[in-house]
Amino acid sequence: MRVAVQFRGNVAAGQSRRWFTHSWPEQWHVIWYVVPTSPRVGAPQVEWDVQVERASATHITYWITIRNISPVAVDFEARYAVLN
């Protein structure tokens, strides 16, 4: 299994932002997850959604929307795991 950080970012309080990451081999099974790096005890900070584009016969583009559900700005890491 391959695990790493693809990118880091920030989302303002109550806002959503969208990123994309391209040229992933179509045969890889990739799982995406988002982890806040700015501490805030007592409540969830982010939600995320991943959409997939078949960019070519051999490559995938992932579109990741990250929503800050907290009342303050949140820094985060967008991480992935390749399962095969």
C-alpha atoms as a PDB file:
ATOM      1  CA  MET A   1       0.000   0.000   0.000  1.00  0.00           C
ATOM      2  CA  ARG A   2       1.180   3.494  -0.834  1.00  0.00           C
ATOM      3  CA  VAL A   3       0.112   6.339   1.529  1.00  0.00           C
ATOM      4  CA  ALA A   4       1.063  10.025   1.255  1.00  0.00           C
ATOM      5  CA  VAL A   5      -0.050  13.664   1.393  1.00  0.00           C
ATOM      6  CA  GLN A   6      -1.079  14.975  -2.036  1.00  0.00           C
ATOM      7  CA  PHE A   7      -1.595  18.621  -1.025  1.00  0.00           C
ATOM      8  CA  ARG A   8      -2.169  20.979   1.896  1.00  0.00           C
ATOM      9  CA  GLY A   9      -4.634  23.832   2.063  1.00  0.00           C
ATOM     10  CA  ASN A  10      -6.910  26.086   4.068  1.00  0.00           C
ATOM     11  CA  VAL A  11     -10.662  26.645   4.057  1.00  0.00           C
ATOM     12  CA  ALA A  12     -12.316  29.672   5.682  1.00  0.00           C
ATOM     13  CA  ALA A  13     -15.024  29.184   8.313  1.00  0.00           C
ATOM     14  CA  GLY A  14     -18.257  27.858   6.825  1.00  0.00           C
ATOM     15  CA  GLN A  15     -16.833  27.787   3.270  1.00  0.00           C
ATOM     16  CA  SER A  16     -16.066  25.110   0.671  1.00  0.00           C
ATOM     17  CA  ARG A  17     -13.187  24.889  -1.778  1.00  0.00           C
ATOM     18  CA  ARG A  18     -12.512  22.504  -4.636  1.00  0.00           C
ATOM     19  CA  TRP A  19      -9.187  21.090  -5.813  1.00  0.00           C
ATOM     20  CA  PHE A  20      -8.246  18.623  -8.524  1.00  0.00           C
ATOM     21  CA  THR A  21      -5.374  16.215  -8.934  1.00  0.00           C
ATOM     22  CA  HIS A  22      -4.749  14.618 -12.304  1.00  0.00           C
ATOM     23  CA  SER A  23      -2.893  11.900 -14.224  1.00  0.00           C
ATOM     24  CA  TRP A  24      -3.507   9.044 -11.795  1.00  0.00           C
ATOM     25  CA  PRO A  25      -3.112   5.586 -13.383  1.00  0.00           C
ATOM     26  CA  GLU A  26      -6.554   4.181 -14.099  1.00  0.00           C
ATOM     27  CA  GLN A  27      -5.665   0.765 -12.651  1.00  0.00           C
ATOM     28  CA  TRP A  28      -4.918   2.163  -9.170  1.00  0.00           C
ATOM     29  CA  HIS A  29      -7.588   1.944  -6.475  1.00  0.00           C
ATOM     30  CA  VAL A  30      -7.161   5.307  -4.682  1.00  0.00           C
ATOM     31  CA  ILE A  31      -8.884   6.306  -1.436  1.00  0.00           C
ATOM     32  CA  TRP A  32      -8.926   9.991  -0.421  1.00  0.00           C
ATOM     33  CA  TYR A  33      -9.242  11.436   3.063  1.00  0.00           C
ATOM     34  CA  VAL A  34      -8.816  14.884   4.595  1.00  0.00           C
ATOM     35  CA  VAL A  35      -7.212  15.506   7.990  1.00  0.00           C
ATOM     36  CA  PRO A  36      -7.305  18.886   9.776  1.00  0.00           C
ATOM     37  CA  THR A  37      -3.892  20.099  10.944  1.00  0.00           C
ATOM     38  CA  SER A  38      -5.181  23.057  12.992  1.00  0.00           C
ATOM     39  CA  PRO A  39      -6.401  21.704  16.339  1.00  0.00           C
ATOM     40  CA  ARG A  40      -9.950  22.355  17.547  1.00  0.00           C
ATOM     41  CA  VAL A  41     -11.210  20.141  20.332  1.00  0.00           C
ATOM     42  CA  GLY A  42     -14.813  19.023  20.681  1.00  0.00           C
ATOM     43  CA  ALA A  43     -16.349  18.965  17.198  1.00  0.00           C
ATOM     44  CA  PRO A  44     -15.763  17.859  13.612  1.00  0.00           C
ATOM     45  CA  GLN A  45     -14.008  20.387  11.383  1.00  0.00           C
ATOM     46  CA  VAL A  46     -14.311  19.229   7.768  1.00  0.00           C
ATOM     47  CA  GLU A  47     -16.368  17.180   5.359  1.00  0.00           C
ATOM     48  CA  TRP A  48     -15.169  16.188   1.901  1.00  0.00           C
ATOM     49  CA  ASP A  49     -16.494  14.742  -1.295  1.00  0.00           C
ATOM     50  CA  VAL A  50     -14.541  13.128  -4.126  1.00  0.00           C
ATOM     51  CA  GLN A  51     -15.696  13.074  -7.726  1.00  0.00           C
ATOM     52  CA  VAL A  52     -13.941  11.154 -10.483  1.00  0.00           C
ATOM     53  CA  GLU A  53     -13.241  12.054 -14.103  1.00  0.00           C
ATOM     54  CA  ARG A  54     -11.948   9.523 -16.642  1.00  0.00           C
ATOM     55  CA  ALA A  55      -9.503  11.939 -18.281  1.00  0.00           C
ATOM     56  CA  SER A  56      -8.219   9.439 -20.851  1.00  0.00           C
ATOM     57  CA  ALA A  57      -8.126   5.707 -21.486  1.00  0.00           C
ATOM     58  CA  THR A  58      -5.266   5.398 -19.000  1.00  0.00           C
ATOM     59  CA  HIS A  59      -5.651   8.261 -16.496  1.00  0.00           C
ATOM     60  CA  ILE A  60      -8.045   9.514 -13.813  1.00  0.00           C
ATOM     61  CA  THR A  61      -8.588  13.012 -12.418  1.00  0.00           C
ATOM     62  CA  TYR A  62      -9.975  13.382  -8.886  1.00  0.00           C
ATOM     63  CA  TRP A  63     -11.995  16.473  -7.915  1.00  0.00           C
ATOM     64  CA  ILE A  64     -11.987  16.973  -4.127  1.00  0.00           C
ATOM     65  CA  THR A  65     -14.392  19.405  -2.464  1.00  0.00           C
ATOM     66  CA  ILE A  66     -13.559  20.238   1.150  1.00  0.00           C
ATOM     67  CA  ARG A  67     -16.156  21.951   3.347  1.00  0.00           C
ATOM     68  CA  ASN A  68     -15.249  23.621   6.630  1.00  0.00           C
ATOM     69  CA  ILE A  69     -18.068  22.934   9.092  1.00  0.00           C
ATOM     70  CA  SER A  70     -16.412  24.813  11.952  1.00  0.00           C
ATOM     71  CA  PRO A  71     -16.677  28.498  12.935  1.00  0.00           C
ATOM     72  CA  VAL A  72     -12.947  29.176  12.300  1.00  0.00           C
ATOM     73  CA  ALA A  73     -10.540  28.678   9.378  1.00  0.00           C
ATOM     74  CA  VAL A  74      -9.087  25.162   9.067  1.00  0.00           C
ATOM     75  CA  ASP A  75      -5.729  24.037   7.699  1.00  0.00           C
ATOM     76  CA  PHE A  76      -5.689  20.471   6.377  1.00  0.00           C
ATOM     77  CA  GLU A  77      -3.817  17.764   4.514  1.00  0.00           C
ATOM     78  CA  ALA A  78      -5.448  15.894   1.628  1.00  0.00           C
ATOM     79  CA  ARG A  79      -4.088  12.357   1.924  1.00  0.00           C
ATOM     80  CA  TYR A  80      -4.431   9.319  -0.266  1.00  0.00           C
ATOM     81  CA  ALA A  81      -3.883   5.579  -0.086  1.00  0.00           C
ATOM     82  CA  VAL A  82      -3.327   3.374  -3.122  1.00  0.00           C
ATOM     83  CA  LEU A  83      -4.793   0.003  -2.146  1.00  0.00           C
ATOM     84  CA  ASN A  84      -3.458  -2.183  -4.950  1.00  0.00           C
END
